Amino acid sequence: MKVVITGGCGFLGSNIAQAILKRGDDLFIIDNLSRLGSDKNYEWLQSIGAFRLFQTDIRNTNDIASIIKDHQPNVIYHLAGQVAMTTSLADPRLDFEINVLGTINVLEAVRNFSPHSIVVYSSTNKVYGDLEWAEYEEKTTRYEAKDFPNGFSEATQLDFHSPYGVSKGSADQYCLDYARMFGLNTVVFRHSSMFGGRQFSTYDQGWIGWFCSQALLQKQNRDTPPFTISGDGKQVRDVLYASDMVELYLQSAAHITKTRGNAFNIGGGMNNSLSLLELFRVLEGMLGIEIRYEKIAPRVSDQKVFVADLTKINSRIGWQPKVTAEEGIGYMLNWLGKGENK
């Protein structure tokens, strides 16, 4: 089997690439190596097995077309993208070019040169906007969406907010429409929060990893200053560990007749939901410290709650998370503690 991964040296991409290499498939990675940690993930993947890296940008129409035409992949995991809302606000054109035009380049290359290829696209829960229309109850450590005890389903109205939400949502819809109009084998995953090893988190992307790293710094040095959080810390997300993500992507391609042309909300589900405050309590228990932080203004268009209702994906292919939030946080702390993210 031939597999192409765009953004294959990123967090999700490198974890999937590891599984592909261990499976013995032919692997082709498209990555411009611009993201923090991508060079380290590239070196790590080289230690696992042989693959070919195309160091190019998904905005390069000719490069993308040539790679897909020449190699005729069975599966394309399209993960390359601009991933931060703050970056999209600073440079909306760049955000558009990477997320929308880059996705069109992939889809058009498949349509014209490799229509049998499966394309699995990594979208986001931000396609649903800020969800302020829902009714929330404020509890001691979290907000609860009282009418959505199992989380938000794919029937939730699309409502693109911020350039990031618009660009990812547009690419999301193009992927679904290429299945309708051109018969392509496309699948869309609207992700909540993902975390795990090989994630080089920053202040504005990868919140579990970021706060884990800040907690470790405070444990190592009591003089480490407090970090900041946006809002009151009661906002809730469901979290999904890397190994469960990988299993999802592999299963979705293996069962393409049950997944093609569909969007799925993906996360850890209600049982693996955490607010920032609840994450801090978990970290304090694991590390034996009292976490110090300061509050700043909430982020624009932030969701008080997003938890994915996993009913649809579970009914189609039987997938559900296996790693609990607490187990995953322990694994994350262990990876960070080894210093592999330096």
C-alpha atoms as a PDB file:
ATOM      1  CA  MET A   1       0.000   0.000   0.000  1.00  0.00           C
ATOM      2  CA  LYS A   2       1.164   3.538  -0.755  1.00  0.00           C
ATOM      3  CA  VAL A   3       0.393   6.267   1.784  1.00  0.00           C
ATOM      4  CA  VAL A   4       0.912  10.027   1.472  1.00  0.00           C
ATOM      5  CA  ILE A   5       0.781  12.215   4.585  1.00  0.00           C
ATOM      6  CA  THR A   6       0.700  15.980   4.144  1.00  0.00           C
ATOM      7  CA  GLY A   7       2.117  17.550   7.265  1.00  0.00           C
ATOM      8  CA  GLY A   8       3.663  14.190   8.041  1.00  0.00           C
ATOM      9  CA  CYS A   9       6.295  15.668  10.353  1.00  0.00           C
ATOM     10  CA  GLY A  10       3.754  17.405  12.551  1.00  0.00           C
ATOM     11  CA  PHE A  11       2.221  15.981  15.709  1.00  0.00           C
ATOM     12  CA  LEU A  12      -0.632  13.965  14.229  1.00  0.00           C
ATOM     13  CA  GLY A  13       1.273  13.247  11.028  1.00  0.00           C
ATOM     14  CA  SER A  14       4.368  11.828  12.704  1.00  0.00           C
ATOM     15  CA  ASN A  15       2.287   9.564  14.934  1.00  0.00           C
ATOM     16  CA  ILE A  16       0.406   8.183  11.928  1.00  0.00           C
ATOM     17  CA  ALA A  17       3.666   7.929   9.971  1.00  0.00           C
ATOM     18  CA  GLN A  18       5.182   5.792  12.717  1.00  0.00           C
ATOM     19  CA  ALA A  19       2.275   3.337  12.440  1.00  0.00           C
ATOM     20  CA  ILE A  20       2.553   3.262   8.642  1.00  0.00           C
ATOM     21  CA  LEU A  21       6.274   2.549   8.800  1.00  0.00           C
ATOM     22  CA  LYS A  22       5.797  -0.239  11.344  1.00  0.00           C
ATOM     23  CA  ARG A  23       3.116  -1.718   9.085  1.00  0.00           C
ATOM     24  CA  GLY A  24       5.610  -1.839   6.221  1.00  0.00           C
ATOM     25  CA  ASP A  25       3.713   0.328   3.729  1.00  0.00           C
ATOM     26  CA  ASP A  26       5.357   2.706   1.262  1.00  0.00           C
ATOM     27  CA  LEU A  27       5.302   6.124   2.891  1.00  0.00           C
ATOM     28  CA  PHE A  28       5.607   9.533   1.249  1.00  0.00           C
ATOM     29  CA  ILE A  29       5.593  12.652   3.423  1.00  0.00           C
ATOM     30  CA  ILE A  30       4.852  16.163   2.210  1.00  0.00           C
ATOM     31  CA  ASP A  31       6.063  18.761   4.703  1.00  0.00           C
ATOM     32  CA  ASN A  32       7.850  22.108   4.447  1.00  0.00           C
ATOM     33  CA  LEU A  33       9.352  21.531   7.925  1.00  0.00           C
ATOM     34  CA  SER A  34       8.391  25.064   9.010  1.00  0.00           C
ATOM     35  CA  ARG A  35       6.484  24.164  12.148  1.00  0.00           C
ATOM     36  CA  LEU A  36       8.191  24.041  15.536  1.00  0.00           C
ATOM     37  CA  GLY A  37       9.508  20.526  16.161  1.00  0.00           C
ATOM     38  CA  SER A  38       8.948  19.227  12.620  1.00  0.00           C
ATOM     39  CA  ASP A  39      12.691  18.822  12.048  1.00  0.00           C
ATOM     40  CA  LYS A  40      12.946  16.751  15.232  1.00  0.00           C
ATOM     41  CA  ASN A  41       9.990  14.594  14.183  1.00  0.00           C
ATOM     42  CA  TYR A  42      11.631  14.082  10.793  1.00  0.00           C
ATOM     43  CA  GLU A  43      14.812  12.809  12.430  1.00  0.00           C
ATOM     44  CA  TRP A  44      12.771  10.588  14.755  1.00  0.00           C
ATOM     45  CA  LEU A  45      10.872   9.031  11.839  1.00  0.00           C
ATOM     46  CA  GLN A  46      14.146   8.359  10.023  1.00  0.00           C
ATOM     47  CA  SER A  47      15.214   6.240  13.001  1.00  0.00           C
ATOM     48  CA  ILE A  48      12.095   4.094  12.587  1.00  0.00           C
ATOM     49  CA  GLY A  49      12.105   3.237   8.893  1.00  0.00           C
ATOM     50  CA  ALA A  50      12.617   4.286   5.296  1.00  0.00           C
ATOM     51  CA  PHE A  51      10.314   6.800   3.623  1.00  0.00           C
ATOM     52  CA  ARG A  52      10.538   9.670   1.175  1.00  0.00           C
ATOM     53  CA  LEU A  53      10.181  13.286   2.228  1.00  0.00           C
ATOM     54  CA  PHE A  54       9.045  15.929  -0.242  1.00  0.00           C
ATOM     55  CA  GLN A  55      10.075  19.188   1.395  1.00  0.00           C
ATOM     56  CA  THR A  56       7.538  21.408  -0.261  1.00  0.00           C
ATOM     57  CA  ASP A  57       4.450  23.424   0.568  1.00  0.00           C
ATOM     58  CA  ILE A  58       0.864  22.338  -0.104  1.00  0.00           C
ATOM     59  CA  ARG A  59       0.357  25.759  -1.698  1.00  0.00           C
ATOM     60  CA  ASN A  60       2.650  24.618  -4.517  1.00  0.00           C
ATOM     61  CA  THR A  61       0.100  23.359  -7.047  1.00  0.00           C
ATOM     62  CA  ASN A  62       2.591  21.759  -9.400  1.00  0.00           C
ATOM     63  CA  ASP A  63       4.497  19.911  -6.683  1.00  0.00           C
ATOM     64  CA  ILE A  64       1.354  18.445  -5.157  1.00  0.00           C
ATOM     65  CA  ALA A  65      -0.003  17.385  -8.545  1.00  0.00           C
ATOM     66  CA  SER A  66       3.288  15.751  -9.542  1.00  0.00           C
ATOM     67  CA  ILE A  67       3.663  13.814  -6.285  1.00  0.00           C
ATOM     68  CA  ILE A  68       0.151  12.393  -6.432  1.00  0.00           C
ATOM     69  CA  LYS A  69       0.319  11.710 -10.171  1.00  0.00           C
ATOM     70  CA  ASP A  70       3.676   9.947  -9.942  1.00  0.00           C
ATOM     71  CA  HIS A  71       2.963   7.810  -6.856  1.00  0.00           C
ATOM     72  CA  GLN A  72      -0.769   7.012  -7.103  1.00  0.00           C
ATOM     73  CA  PRO A  73      -1.320   6.649  -3.343  1.00  0.00           C
ATOM     74  CA  ASN A  74      -3.969   4.374  -1.932  1.00  0.00           C
ATOM     75  CA  VAL A  75      -4.494   6.734   1.003  1.00  0.00           C
ATOM     76  CA  ILE A  76      -3.757  10.420   1.577  1.00  0.00           C
ATOM     77  CA  TYR A  77      -3.928  11.716   5.126  1.00  0.00           C
ATOM     78  CA  HIS A  78      -4.267  15.462   4.565  1.00  0.00           C
ATOM     79  CA  LEU A  79      -3.057  17.003   7.812  1.00  0.00           C
ATOM     80  CA  ALA A  80      -0.949  19.973   6.674  1.00  0.00           C
ATOM     81  CA  GLY A  81      -2.460  23.287   7.630  1.00  0.00           C
ATOM     82  CA  GLN A  82      -2.335  26.537   9.539  1.00  0.00           C
ATOM     83  CA  VAL A  83      -3.523  25.493  12.986  1.00  0.00           C
ATOM     84  CA  ALA A  84      -3.752  28.570  15.243  1.00  0.00           C
ATOM     85  CA  MET A  85      -6.622  31.036  15.511  1.00  0.00           C
ATOM     86  CA  THR A  86      -4.226  33.771  16.623  1.00  0.00           C
ATOM     87  CA  THR A  87      -2.124  33.335  13.475  1.00  0.00           C
ATOM     88  CA  SER A  88      -5.240  33.492  11.310  1.00  0.00           C
ATOM     89  CA  LEU A  89      -6.168  36.832  12.883  1.00  0.00           C
ATOM     90  CA  ALA A  90      -2.683  38.198  12.289  1.00  0.00           C
ATOM     91  CA  ASP A  91      -2.497  37.034   8.647  1.00  0.00           C
ATOM     92  CA  PRO A  92      -5.857  35.944   7.183  1.00  0.00           C
ATOM     93  CA  ARG A  93      -4.476  35.653   3.652  1.00  0.00           C
ATOM     94  CA  LEU A  94      -1.767  33.200   4.699  1.00  0.00           C
ATOM     95  CA  ASP A  95      -4.355  31.217   6.648  1.00  0.00           C
ATOM     96  CA  PHE A  96      -6.609  31.095   3.556  1.00  0.00           C
ATOM     97  CA  GLU A  97      -3.832  30.102   1.175  1.00  0.00           C
ATOM     98  CA  ILE A  98      -2.616  27.222   3.334  1.00  0.00           C
ATOM     99  CA  ASN A  99      -5.924  25.799   4.505  1.00  0.00           C
ATOM    100  CA  VAL A 100      -8.206  26.427   1.530  1.00  0.00           C
ATOM    101  CA  LEU A 101      -5.959  26.598  -1.526  1.00  0.00           C
ATOM    102  CA  GLY A 102      -3.696  23.891  -0.129  1.00  0.00           C
ATOM    103  CA  THR A 103      -6.691  21.578   0.254  1.00  0.00           C
ATOM    104  CA  ILE A 104      -7.952  22.422  -3.246  1.00  0.00           C
ATOM    105  CA  ASN A 105      -4.500  21.490  -4.570  1.00  0.00           C
ATOM    106  CA  VAL A 106      -4.758  18.065  -2.927  1.00  0.00           C
ATOM    107  CA  LEU A 107      -8.333  17.444  -4.060  1.00  0.00           C
ATOM    108  CA  GLU A 108      -7.705  18.569  -7.634  1.00  0.00           C
ATOM    109  CA  ALA A 109      -4.589  16.432  -7.911  1.00  0.00           C
ATOM    110  CA  VAL A 110      -6.594  13.420  -6.757  1.00  0.00           C
ATOM    111  CA  ARG A 111      -9.520  14.214  -9.064  1.00  0.00           C
ATOM    112  CA  ASN A 112      -7.291  14.632 -12.096  1.00  0.00           C
ATOM    113  CA  PHE A 113      -4.611  12.012 -11.549  1.00  0.00           C
ATOM    114  CA  SER A 114      -5.554   9.506  -8.814  1.00  0.00           C
ATOM    115  CA  PRO A 115      -9.341   9.350  -8.304  1.00  0.00           C
ATOM    116  CA  HIS A 116      -9.137   6.014  -6.476  1.00  0.00           C
ATOM    117  CA  SER A 117      -7.151   7.588  -3.604  1.00  0.00           C
ATOM    118  CA  ILE A 118      -8.765   7.880  -0.182  1.00  0.00           C
ATOM    119  CA  VAL A 119      -8.429  11.381   1.297  1.00  0.00           C
ATOM    120  CA  VAL A 120      -8.858  11.769   5.063  1.00  0.00           C
ATOM    121  CA  TYR A 121      -8.953  15.424   6.130  1.00  0.00           C
ATOM    122  CA  SER A 122      -8.236  16.827   9.587  1.00  0.00           C
ATOM    123  CA  SER A 123     -10.807  19.547  10.295  1.00  0.00           C
ATOM    124  CA  THR A 124     -11.795  21.229  13.559  1.00  0.00           C
ATOM    125  CA  ASN A 125     -14.651  21.849  15.964  1.00  0.00           C
ATOM    126  CA  LYS A 126     -14.222  25.564  15.163  1.00  0.00           C
ATOM    127  CA  VAL A 127     -16.506  25.024  12.155  1.00  0.00           C
ATOM    128  CA  TYR A 128     -19.359  25.263  14.699  1.00  0.00           C
ATOM    129  CA  GLY A 129     -18.450  28.772  15.854  1.00  0.00           C
ATOM    130  CA  ASP A 130     -18.578  29.908  19.464  1.00  0.00           C
ATOM    131  CA  LEU A 131     -21.747  27.900  20.299  1.00  0.00           C
ATOM    132  CA  GLU A 132     -23.045  30.830  22.334  1.00  0.00           C
ATOM    133  CA  TRP A 133     -26.599  29.923  21.328  1.00  0.00           C
ATOM    134  CA  ALA A 134     -26.464  26.906  23.647  1.00  0.00           C
ATOM    135  CA  GLU A 135     -27.545  27.201  27.273  1.00  0.00           C
ATOM    136  CA  TYR A 136     -24.781  26.724  29.830  1.00  0.00           C
ATOM    137  CA  GLU A 137     -24.640  26.146  33.557  1.00  0.00           C
ATOM    138  CA  GLU A 138     -21.609  27.387  35.466  1.00  0.00           C
ATOM    139  CA  LYS A 139     -20.367  24.833  37.976  1.00  0.00           C
ATOM    140  CA  THR A 140     -17.491  25.071  40.428  1.00  0.00           C
ATOM    141  CA  THR A 141     -14.800  23.922  37.970  1.00  0.00           C
ATOM    142  CA  ARG A 142     -16.511  23.850  34.577  1.00  0.00           C
ATOM    143  CA  TYR A 143     -19.293  24.966  32.283  1.00  0.00           C
ATOM    144  CA  GLU A 144     -21.897  22.419  31.240  1.00  0.00           C
ATOM    145  CA  ALA A 145     -24.039  22.515  28.100  1.00  0.00           C
ATOM    146  CA  LYS A 146     -27.208  21.288  29.784  1.00  0.00           C
ATOM    147  CA  ASP A 147     -29.029  20.224  26.601  1.00  0.00           C
ATOM    148  CA  PHE A 148     -26.059  18.226  25.260  1.00  0.00           C
ATOM    149  CA  PRO A 149     -25.197  15.614  27.903  1.00  0.00           C
ATOM    150  CA  ASN A 150     -23.384  13.443  25.329  1.00  0.00           C
ATOM    151  CA  GLY A 151     -21.708  16.314  23.524  1.00  0.00           C
ATOM    152  CA  PHE A 152     -22.341  18.030  20.197  1.00  0.00           C
ATOM    153  CA  SER A 153     -23.221  15.912  17.169  1.00  0.00           C
ATOM    154  CA  GLU A 154     -22.594  16.493  13.466  1.00  0.00           C
ATOM    155  CA  ALA A 155     -26.147  17.885  13.230  1.00  0.00           C
ATOM    156  CA  THR A 156     -24.902  21.017  15.003  1.00  0.00           C
ATOM    157  CA  GLN A 157     -25.273  24.033  12.714  1.00  0.00           C
ATOM    158  CA  LEU A 158     -22.105  25.149  10.950  1.00  0.00           C
ATOM    159  CA  ASP A 159     -21.143  28.690  11.925  1.00  0.00           C
ATOM    160  CA  PHE A 160     -17.629  29.669  10.852  1.00  0.00           C
ATOM    161  CA  HIS A 161     -15.987  32.188  13.209  1.00  0.00           C
ATOM    162  CA  SER A 162     -12.540  33.758  12.802  1.00  0.00           C
ATOM    163  CA  PRO A 163     -10.396  33.408   9.673  1.00  0.00           C
ATOM    164  CA  TYR A 164      -9.213  30.054  11.012  1.00  0.00           C
ATOM    165  CA  GLY A 165     -12.759  28.755  11.378  1.00  0.00           C
ATOM    166  CA  VAL A 166     -13.656  30.019   7.908  1.00  0.00           C
ATOM    167  CA  SER A 167     -10.607  28.496   6.225  1.00  0.00           C
ATOM    168  CA  LYS A 168     -10.857  25.107   7.917  1.00  0.00           C
ATOM    169  CA  GLY A 169     -14.608  25.066   7.414  1.00  0.00           C
ATOM    170  CA  SER A 170     -14.242  25.882   3.737  1.00  0.00           C
ATOM    171  CA  ALA A 171     -11.714  23.090   3.240  1.00  0.00           C
ATOM    172  CA  ASP A 172     -13.988  20.767   5.227  1.00  0.00           C
ATOM    173  CA  GLN A 173     -16.892  21.536   2.880  1.00  0.00           C
ATOM    174  CA  TYR A 174     -14.768  21.187  -0.262  1.00  0.00           C
ATOM    175  CA  CYS A 175     -13.729  17.697   0.869  1.00  0.00           C
ATOM    176  CA  LEU A 176     -17.344  16.664   1.380  1.00  0.00           C
ATOM    177  CA  ASP A 177     -18.447  18.216  -1.896  1.00  0.00           C
ATOM    178  CA  TYR A 178     -15.728  16.453  -3.904  1.00  0.00           C
ATOM    179  CA  ALA A 179     -17.268  13.207  -2.678  1.00  0.00           C
ATOM    180  CA  ARG A 180     -20.726  14.367  -3.825  1.00  0.00           C
ATOM    181  CA  MET A 181     -19.800  16.011  -7.128  1.00  0.00           C
ATOM    182  CA  PHE A 182     -16.794  13.981  -8.263  1.00  0.00           C
ATOM    183  CA  GLY A 183     -17.196  10.684  -6.440  1.00  0.00           C
ATOM    184  CA  LEU A 184     -13.941  10.970  -4.498  1.00  0.00           C
ATOM    185  CA  ASN A 185     -13.311   8.895  -1.381  1.00  0.00           C
ATOM    186  CA  THR A 186     -13.090  11.724   1.136  1.00  0.00           C
ATOM    187  CA  VAL A 187     -13.591  11.671   4.916  1.00  0.00           C
ATOM    188  CA  VAL A 188     -13.622  14.665   7.289  1.00  0.00           C
ATOM    189  CA  PHE A 189     -12.778  14.575  10.998  1.00  0.00           C
ATOM    190  CA  ARG A 190     -13.838  17.595  13.059  1.00  0.00           C
ATOM    191  CA  HIS A 191     -11.438  17.370  15.966  1.00  0.00           C
ATOM    192  CA  SER A 192     -11.728  18.565  19.504  1.00  0.00           C
ATOM    193  CA  SER A 193      -8.431  18.478  21.473  1.00  0.00           C
ATOM    194  CA  MET A 194      -5.601  16.080  20.618  1.00  0.00           C
ATOM    195  CA  PHE A 195      -2.408  15.524  22.577  1.00  0.00           C
ATOM    196  CA  GLY A 196       0.497  13.154  23.072  1.00  0.00           C
ATOM    197  CA  GLY A 197       4.132  12.519  22.267  1.00  0.00           C
ATOM    198  CA  ARG A 198       5.733  14.333  19.318  1.00  0.00           C
ATOM    199  CA  GLN A 199       3.548  17.385  20.020  1.00  0.00           C
ATOM    200  CA  PHE A 200       5.665  20.513  20.308  1.00  0.00           C
ATOM    201  CA  SER A 201       3.019  22.669  21.920  1.00  0.00           C
ATOM    202  CA  THR A 202       2.957  26.457  21.974  1.00  0.00           C
ATOM    203  CA  TYR A 203       0.960  29.036  23.893  1.00  0.00           C
ATOM    204  CA  ASP A 204      -1.735  29.151  21.216  1.00  0.00           C
ATOM    205  CA  GLN A 205      -1.819  25.542  20.007  1.00  0.00           C
ATOM    206  CA  GLY A 206      -1.856  22.235  21.876  1.00  0.00           C
ATOM    207  CA  TRP A 207      -3.160  23.330  25.276  1.00  0.00           C
ATOM    208  CA  ILE A 208      -2.742  20.011  27.108  1.00  0.00           C
ATOM    209  CA  GLY A 209       0.913  19.766  26.148  1.00  0.00           C
ATOM    210  CA  TRP A 210       1.540  23.439  26.849  1.00  0.00           C
ATOM    211  CA  PHE A 211       0.110  23.386  30.371  1.00  0.00           C
ATOM    212  CA  CYS A 212       1.846  20.069  31.105  1.00  0.00           C
ATOM    213  CA  SER A 213       5.173  21.659  30.152  1.00  0.00           C
ATOM    214  CA  GLN A 214       4.451  24.758  32.257  1.00  0.00           C
ATOM    215  CA  ALA A 215       3.568  22.598  35.260  1.00  0.00           C
ATOM    216  CA  LEU A 216       6.822  20.676  34.887  1.00  0.00           C
ATOM    217  CA  LEU A 217       8.765  23.942  34.796  1.00  0.00           C
ATOM    218  CA  GLN A 218       7.113  25.021  38.036  1.00  0.00           C
ATOM    219  CA  LYS A 219       7.945  21.679  39.637  1.00  0.00           C
ATOM    220  CA  GLN A 220      11.581  21.917  38.542  1.00  0.00           C
ATOM    221  CA  ASN A 221      11.999  25.518  39.667  1.00  0.00           C
ATOM    222  CA  ARG A 222       9.836  27.095  42.358  1.00  0.00           C
ATOM    223  CA  ASP A 223      10.848  30.550  41.122  1.00  0.00           C
ATOM    224  CA  THR A 224       9.237  29.963  37.735  1.00  0.00           C
ATOM    225  CA  PRO A 225       6.697  32.779  37.294  1.00  0.00           C
ATOM    226  CA  PRO A 226       2.979  32.037  36.954  1.00  0.00           C
ATOM    227  CA  PHE A 227       1.699  31.348  33.457  1.00  0.00           C
ATOM    228  CA  THR A 228      -1.453  32.931  32.035  1.00  0.00           C
ATOM    229  CA  ILE A 229      -4.756  31.421  31.003  1.00  0.00           C
ATOM    230  CA  SER A 230      -7.380  33.024  28.782  1.00  0.00           C
ATOM    231  CA  GLY A 231     -10.721  33.327  30.543  1.00  0.00           C
ATOM    232  CA  ASP A 232     -11.763  31.826  33.864  1.00  0.00           C
ATOM    233  CA  GLY A 233     -10.452  28.293  33.262  1.00  0.00           C
ATOM    234  CA  LYS A 234     -13.892  26.666  33.278  1.00  0.00           C
ATOM    235  CA  GLN A 235     -14.058  26.151  29.500  1.00  0.00           C
ATOM    236  CA  VAL A 236     -14.308  22.440  28.642  1.00  0.00           C
ATOM    237  CA  ARG A 237     -12.922  20.227  25.881  1.00  0.00           C
ATOM    238  CA  ASP A 238     -12.783  16.472  25.444  1.00  0.00           C
ATOM    239  CA  VAL A 239      -9.240  15.249  24.982  1.00  0.00           C
ATOM    240  CA  LEU A 240      -7.966  12.444  22.772  1.00  0.00           C
ATOM    241  CA  TYR A 241      -4.595  10.747  23.113  1.00  0.00           C
ATOM    242  CA  ALA A 242      -2.325  10.128  20.123  1.00  0.00           C
ATOM    243  CA  SER A 243      -2.635   6.342  19.940  1.00  0.00           C
ATOM    244  CA  ASP A 244      -6.418   6.590  19.719  1.00  0.00           C
ATOM    245  CA  MET A 245      -6.113   9.172  16.949  1.00  0.00           C
ATOM    246  CA  VAL A 246      -3.844   6.903  14.949  1.00  0.00           C
ATOM    247  CA  GLU A 247      -6.242   3.977  15.287  1.00  0.00           C
ATOM    248  CA  LEU A 248      -9.092   6.200  14.090  1.00  0.00           C
ATOM    249  CA  TYR A 249      -7.265   7.299  10.938  1.00  0.00           C
ATOM    250  CA  LEU A 250      -6.186   3.782  10.044  1.00  0.00           C
ATOM    251  CA  GLN A 251      -9.661   2.347  10.633  1.00  0.00           C
ATOM    252  CA  SER A 252     -11.385   5.066   8.648  1.00  0.00           C
ATOM    253  CA  ALA A 253      -9.375   4.238   5.547  1.00  0.00           C
ATOM    254  CA  ALA A 254      -9.793   0.498   6.026  1.00  0.00           C
ATOM    255  CA  HIS A 255     -13.591   0.976   6.189  1.00  0.00           C
ATOM    256  CA  ILE A 256     -13.928   3.650   3.529  1.00  0.00           C
ATOM    257  CA  THR A 257     -17.276   2.342   2.280  1.00  0.00           C
ATOM    258  CA  LYS A 258     -18.707   3.236   5.704  1.00  0.00           C
ATOM    259  CA  THR A 259     -16.955   6.590   6.093  1.00  0.00           C
ATOM    260  CA  ARG A 260     -16.643   8.189   2.618  1.00  0.00           C
ATOM    261  CA  GLY A 261     -18.441  11.453   2.062  1.00  0.00           C
ATOM    262  CA  ASN A 262     -19.038  11.960   5.777  1.00  0.00           C
ATOM    263  CA  ALA A 263     -17.922  14.349   8.491  1.00  0.00           C
ATOM    264  CA  PHE A 264     -17.421  13.009  12.013  1.00  0.00           C
ATOM    265  CA  ASN A 265     -17.018  14.856  15.302  1.00  0.00           C
ATOM    266  CA  ILE A 266     -13.956  13.437  17.018  1.00  0.00           C
ATOM    267  CA  GLY A 267     -12.644  13.721  20.552  1.00  0.00           C
ATOM    268  CA  GLY A 268     -12.331  11.817  23.772  1.00  0.00           C
ATOM    269  CA  GLY A 269     -16.053  12.011  24.502  1.00  0.00           C
ATOM    270  CA  MET A 270     -17.778  13.187  27.662  1.00  0.00           C
ATOM    271  CA  ASN A 271     -15.911  10.703  29.886  1.00  0.00           C
ATOM    272  CA  ASN A 272     -12.626  12.302  28.820  1.00  0.00           C
ATOM    273  CA  SER A 273     -13.670  15.942  29.090  1.00  0.00           C
ATOM    274  CA  LEU A 274     -11.670  18.436  31.128  1.00  0.00           C
ATOM    275  CA  SER A 275     -11.771  22.114  31.956  1.00  0.00           C
ATOM    276  CA  LEU A 276      -8.508  23.983  32.415  1.00  0.00           C
ATOM    277  CA  LEU A 277      -9.109  24.063  36.156  1.00  0.00           C
ATOM    278  CA  GLU A 278      -9.708  20.306  36.207  1.00  0.00           C
ATOM    279  CA  LEU A 279      -6.532  19.718  34.209  1.00  0.00           C
ATOM    280  CA  PHE A 280      -4.600  21.743  36.774  1.00  0.00           C
ATOM    281  CA  ARG A 281      -6.006  19.614  39.603  1.00  0.00           C
ATOM    282  CA  VAL A 282      -4.894  16.453  37.787  1.00  0.00           C
ATOM    283  CA  LEU A 283      -1.413  17.886  37.221  1.00  0.00           C
ATOM    284  CA  GLU A 284      -1.122  19.005  40.831  1.00  0.00           C
ATOM    285  CA  GLY A 285      -1.957  15.497  41.994  1.00  0.00           C
ATOM    286  CA  MET A 286       0.500  13.845  39.622  1.00  0.00           C
ATOM    287  CA  LEU A 287       3.365  16.283  40.248  1.00  0.00           C
ATOM    288  CA  GLY A 288       2.788  17.116  43.905  1.00  0.00           C
ATOM    289  CA  ILE A 289       2.782  20.879  43.356  1.00  0.00           C
ATOM    290  CA  GLU A 290       0.431  23.842  43.546  1.00  0.00           C
ATOM    291  CA  ILE A 291       0.121  25.336  40.086  1.00  0.00           C
ATOM    292  CA  ARG A 292       0.434  29.112  39.814  1.00  0.00           C
ATOM    293  CA  TYR A 293      -1.355  30.978  37.060  1.00  0.00           C
ATOM    294  CA  GLU A 294      -2.952  34.322  36.244  1.00  0.00           C
ATOM    295  CA  LYS A 295      -6.108  35.021  34.294  1.00  0.00           C
ATOM    296  CA  ILE A 296      -6.296  37.269  31.244  1.00  0.00           C
ATOM    297  CA  ALA A 297      -9.179  38.161  28.925  1.00  0.00           C
ATOM    298  CA  PRO A 298     -10.977  35.287  27.165  1.00  0.00           C
ATOM    299  CA  ARG A 299     -10.005  34.554  23.574  1.00  0.00           C
ATOM    300  CA  VAL A 300     -12.253  35.902  20.862  1.00  0.00           C
ATOM    301  CA  SER A 301     -14.943  33.393  19.833  1.00  0.00           C
ATOM    302  CA  ASP A 302     -13.779  30.779  22.327  1.00  0.00           C
ATOM    303  CA  GLN A 303     -16.254  28.003  23.039  1.00  0.00           C
ATOM    304  CA  LYS A 304     -17.332  27.572  26.661  1.00  0.00           C
ATOM    305  CA  VAL A 305     -17.834  23.870  25.944  1.00  0.00           C
ATOM    306  CA  PHE A 306     -17.047  21.557  23.094  1.00  0.00           C
ATOM    307  CA  VAL A 307     -17.332  17.836  23.629  1.00  0.00           C
ATOM    308  CA  ALA A 308     -17.741  15.560  20.603  1.00  0.00           C
ATOM    309  CA  ASP A 309     -20.715  13.218  20.503  1.00  0.00           C
ATOM    310  CA  LEU A 310     -19.057  10.040  19.198  1.00  0.00           C
ATOM    311  CA  THR A 311     -22.252   8.187  18.312  1.00  0.00           C
ATOM    312  CA  LYS A 312     -21.858   8.495  14.534  1.00  0.00           C
ATOM    313  CA  ILE A 313     -18.244   7.333  14.228  1.00  0.00           C
ATOM    314  CA  ASN A 314     -18.828   4.534  16.726  1.00  0.00           C
ATOM    315  CA  SER A 315     -21.875   3.272  14.851  1.00  0.00           C
ATOM    316  CA  ARG A 316     -20.041   3.321  11.513  1.00  0.00           C
ATOM    317  CA  ILE A 317     -16.748   1.628  12.353  1.00  0.00           C
ATOM    318  CA  GLY A 318     -16.906   0.792  16.060  1.00  0.00           C
ATOM    319  CA  TRP A 319     -14.158   3.245  17.031  1.00  0.00           C
ATOM    320  CA  GLN A 320     -14.000   4.694  20.517  1.00  0.00           C
ATOM    321  CA  PRO A 321     -11.176   6.035  22.702  1.00  0.00           C
ATOM    322  CA  LYS A 322      -9.264   3.559  24.829  1.00  0.00           C
ATOM    323  CA  VAL A 323      -6.824   5.827  26.688  1.00  0.00           C
ATOM    324  CA  THR A 324      -8.396   7.845  29.497  1.00  0.00           C
ATOM    325  CA  ALA A 325      -7.606  11.518  29.943  1.00  0.00           C
ATOM    326  CA  GLU A 326      -5.637  10.833  33.120  1.00  0.00           C
ATOM    327  CA  GLU A 327      -3.626   8.017  31.502  1.00  0.00           C
ATOM    328  CA  GLY A 328      -2.842  10.214  28.532  1.00  0.00           C
ATOM    329  CA  ILE A 329      -1.716  13.097  30.733  1.00  0.00           C
ATOM    330  CA  GLY A 330       0.624  10.707  32.522  1.00  0.00           C
ATOM    331  CA  TYR A 331       2.076   9.582  29.184  1.00  0.00           C
ATOM    332  CA  MET A 332       2.431  13.218  28.102  1.00  0.00           C
ATOM    333  CA  LEU A 333       4.296  14.164  31.270  1.00  0.00           C
ATOM    334  CA  ASN A 334       6.598  11.185  30.795  1.00  0.00           C
ATOM    335  CA  TRP A 335       7.426  12.231  27.203  1.00  0.00           C
ATOM    336  CA  LEU A 336       8.024  15.823  28.234  1.00  0.00           C
ATOM    337  CA  GLY A 337      10.102  14.679  31.188  1.00  0.00           C
ATOM    338  CA  LYS A 338      12.460  12.829  28.852  1.00  0.00           C
ATOM    339  CA  GLY A 339      13.254  16.147  27.194  1.00  0.00           C
ATOM    340  CA  GLU A 340      12.436  14.914  23.699  1.00  0.00           C
ATOM    341  CA  ASN A 341      10.552  18.138  23.037  1.00  0.00           C
ATOM    342  CA  LYS A 342      13.681  20.281  23.479  1.00  0.00           C
END
